[in-house]
Amino acid sequence: MSVLTAAKTMSVLLPSGVELGTVSIDDIEDGRISGEFASSPGFAAVESIFRFFTEVVEQQSFSYLDQVESEIARLGITICWKGHSDAHAVHDVQIYTDGGFSCRLLNPNYFGNSP
């Protein structure tokens, strides 16, 4: 487990800078971030994609998984420490309707310089 604590909060952003929400970090390990997602008003524009993702996973309709994961990847989501502007690319973004969140860093060494 990383030395980071759950007190850390990150912003989840679109490339345009629109904030989708924030994540209260539970764990960062091997480039994977997990925590609790709280949506911002900007999330409404992409909420249906993540709702579909949740349905696919919960109903085990895995024939749709590649499709929805591609849609999520095309969003180009980035993350940064709350209040900072140094956004970093992520992939395998998962936001569940119950607030669960996870993603993987494209550059796992990013956290060498965490606040």
Protein backbone atom coordinates (compact mmCIF):
# COMPACT_ATOMS: atom_id res chain seq x y z
CA MET A 1 0.00 0.00 0.00
CA SER A 2 1.14 3.54 -0.69
CA VAL A 3 2.05 6.12 1.94
CA LEU A 4 -0.83 8.31 0.76
CA THR A 5 -3.81 8.51 3.06
CA ALA A 6 -7.54 8.70 2.47
CA ALA A 7 -7.37 12.42 3.28
CA LYS A 8 -6.10 13.10 -0.25
CA THR A 9 -8.61 14.36 -2.79
CA MET A 10 -8.22 14.43 -6.56
CA SER A 11 -10.24 16.15 -9.27
CA VAL A 12 -11.48 14.08 -12.21
CA LEU A 13 -11.45 16.19 -15.38
CA LEU A 14 -12.29 16.19 -19.05
CA PRO A 15 -9.60 17.53 -21.43
CA SER A 16 -11.58 20.77 -21.67
CA GLY A 17 -11.01 21.32 -17.94
CA VAL A 18 -14.60 20.54 -16.96
CA GLU A 19 -14.57 18.83 -13.57
CA LEU A 20 -16.58 15.62 -13.48
CA GLY A 21 -16.13 15.29 -9.74
CA THR A 22 -13.68 14.53 -6.98
CA VAL A 23 -12.28 11.32 -5.57
CA SER A 24 -11.47 10.79 -1.91
CA ILE A 25 -8.54 8.43 -2.24
CA ASP A 26 -8.75 5.12 -0.40
CA ASP A 27 -5.70 3.49 -1.99
CA ILE A 28 -2.99 3.99 -4.57
CA GLU A 29 -1.00 0.91 -5.44
CA ASP A 30 0.97 -0.09 -8.54
CA GLY A 31 -0.46 2.86 -10.50
CA ARG A 32 -4.07 2.02 -9.60
CA ILE A 33 -6.13 4.63 -7.76
CA SER A 34 -9.33 3.72 -5.94
CA GLY A 35 -11.69 5.72 -3.80
CA GLU A 36 -15.09 7.31 -3.41
CA PHE A 37 -16.37 9.52 -6.25
CA ALA A 38 -18.49 12.62 -5.64
CA SER A 39 -19.92 14.10 -8.83
CA SER A 40 -19.78 17.75 -9.86
CA PRO A 41 -22.32 19.39 -12.20
CA GLY A 42 -20.07 18.55 -15.19
CA PHE A 43 -20.66 14.83 -14.61
CA ALA A 44 -24.19 15.10 -16.02
CA ALA A 45 -22.77 15.21 -19.57
CA VAL A 46 -21.17 11.76 -19.22
CA GLU A 47 -23.26 10.13 -16.51
CA SER A 48 -25.18 7.91 -18.95
CA ILE A 49 -21.93 6.28 -20.12
CA PHE A 50 -20.96 5.35 -16.57
CA ARG A 51 -24.50 4.24 -15.75
CA PHE A 52 -24.33 1.89 -18.75
CA PHE A 53 -20.90 0.69 -17.56
CA THR A 54 -22.35 -0.14 -14.13
CA GLU A 55 -25.26 -2.03 -15.73
CA VAL A 56 -22.92 -4.03 -17.95
CA VAL A 57 -20.80 -5.08 -14.98
CA GLU A 58 -23.68 -5.78 -12.59
CA GLN A 59 -25.64 -7.77 -15.18
CA GLN A 60 -22.47 -9.49 -16.41
CA SER A 61 -23.29 -8.45 -19.98
CA PHE A 62 -19.64 -8.63 -20.90
CA SER A 63 -20.34 -8.62 -24.63
CA TYR A 64 -20.91 -4.85 -24.20
CA LEU A 65 -17.84 -4.24 -22.04
CA ASP A 66 -15.41 -3.41 -24.87
CA GLN A 67 -17.91 -0.94 -26.33
CA VAL A 68 -18.48 0.96 -23.09
CA GLU A 69 -14.79 0.90 -22.14
CA SER A 70 -13.97 2.41 -25.55
CA GLU A 71 -16.55 5.15 -25.00
CA ILE A 72 -15.00 5.94 -21.61
CA ALA A 73 -11.46 5.95 -23.05
CA ARG A 74 -12.51 8.41 -25.77
CA LEU A 75 -13.49 10.90 -23.05
CA GLY A 76 -9.78 11.49 -22.34
CA ILE A 77 -10.25 11.76 -18.57
CA THR A 78 -7.41 13.17 -16.48
CA ILE A 79 -6.84 13.58 -12.75
CA CYS A 80 -5.00 16.06 -10.58
CA TRP A 81 -4.68 16.86 -6.90
CA LYS A 82 -7.58 19.07 -5.83
CA GLY A 83 -6.55 22.71 -6.20
CA HIS A 84 -3.62 21.95 -8.53
CA SER A 85 -3.49 22.28 -12.30
CA ASP A 86 -1.06 19.49 -13.20
CA ALA A 87 -3.52 17.03 -14.76
CA HIS A 88 -2.30 13.54 -15.63
CA ALA A 89 -3.75 11.05 -18.09
CA VAL A 90 -5.43 7.90 -16.80
CA HIS A 91 -7.02 4.85 -18.36
CA ASP A 92 -9.34 2.04 -17.28
CA VAL A 93 -11.58 4.62 -15.57
CA GLN A 94 -14.45 3.05 -13.64
CA ILE A 95 -17.12 5.16 -11.96
CA TYR A 96 -20.00 3.19 -10.49
CA THR A 97 -23.45 4.51 -9.63
CA ASP A 98 -22.77 3.74 -5.95
CA GLY A 99 -19.81 6.16 -5.97
CA GLY A 100 -17.06 3.59 -6.36
CA PHE A 101 -14.11 4.82 -8.43
CA SER A 102 -10.93 3.40 -9.84
CA CYS A 103 -8.49 4.17 -12.62
CA ARG A 104 -4.93 3.45 -13.68
CA LEU A 105 -2.23 6.03 -14.24
CA LEU A 106 -0.53 6.14 -17.62
CA ASN A 107 2.56 7.31 -15.71
CA PRO A 108 2.69 5.38 -12.41
CA ASN A 109 5.67 7.49 -11.27
CA TYR A 110 3.40 10.56 -11.00
CA PHE A 111 2.95 10.07 -7.26
CA GLY A 112 6.61 10.54 -6.53
CA ASN A 113 5.75 14.25 -6.32
CA SER A 114 2.41 14.14 -4.50
CA PRO A 115 1.47 17.11 -2.32
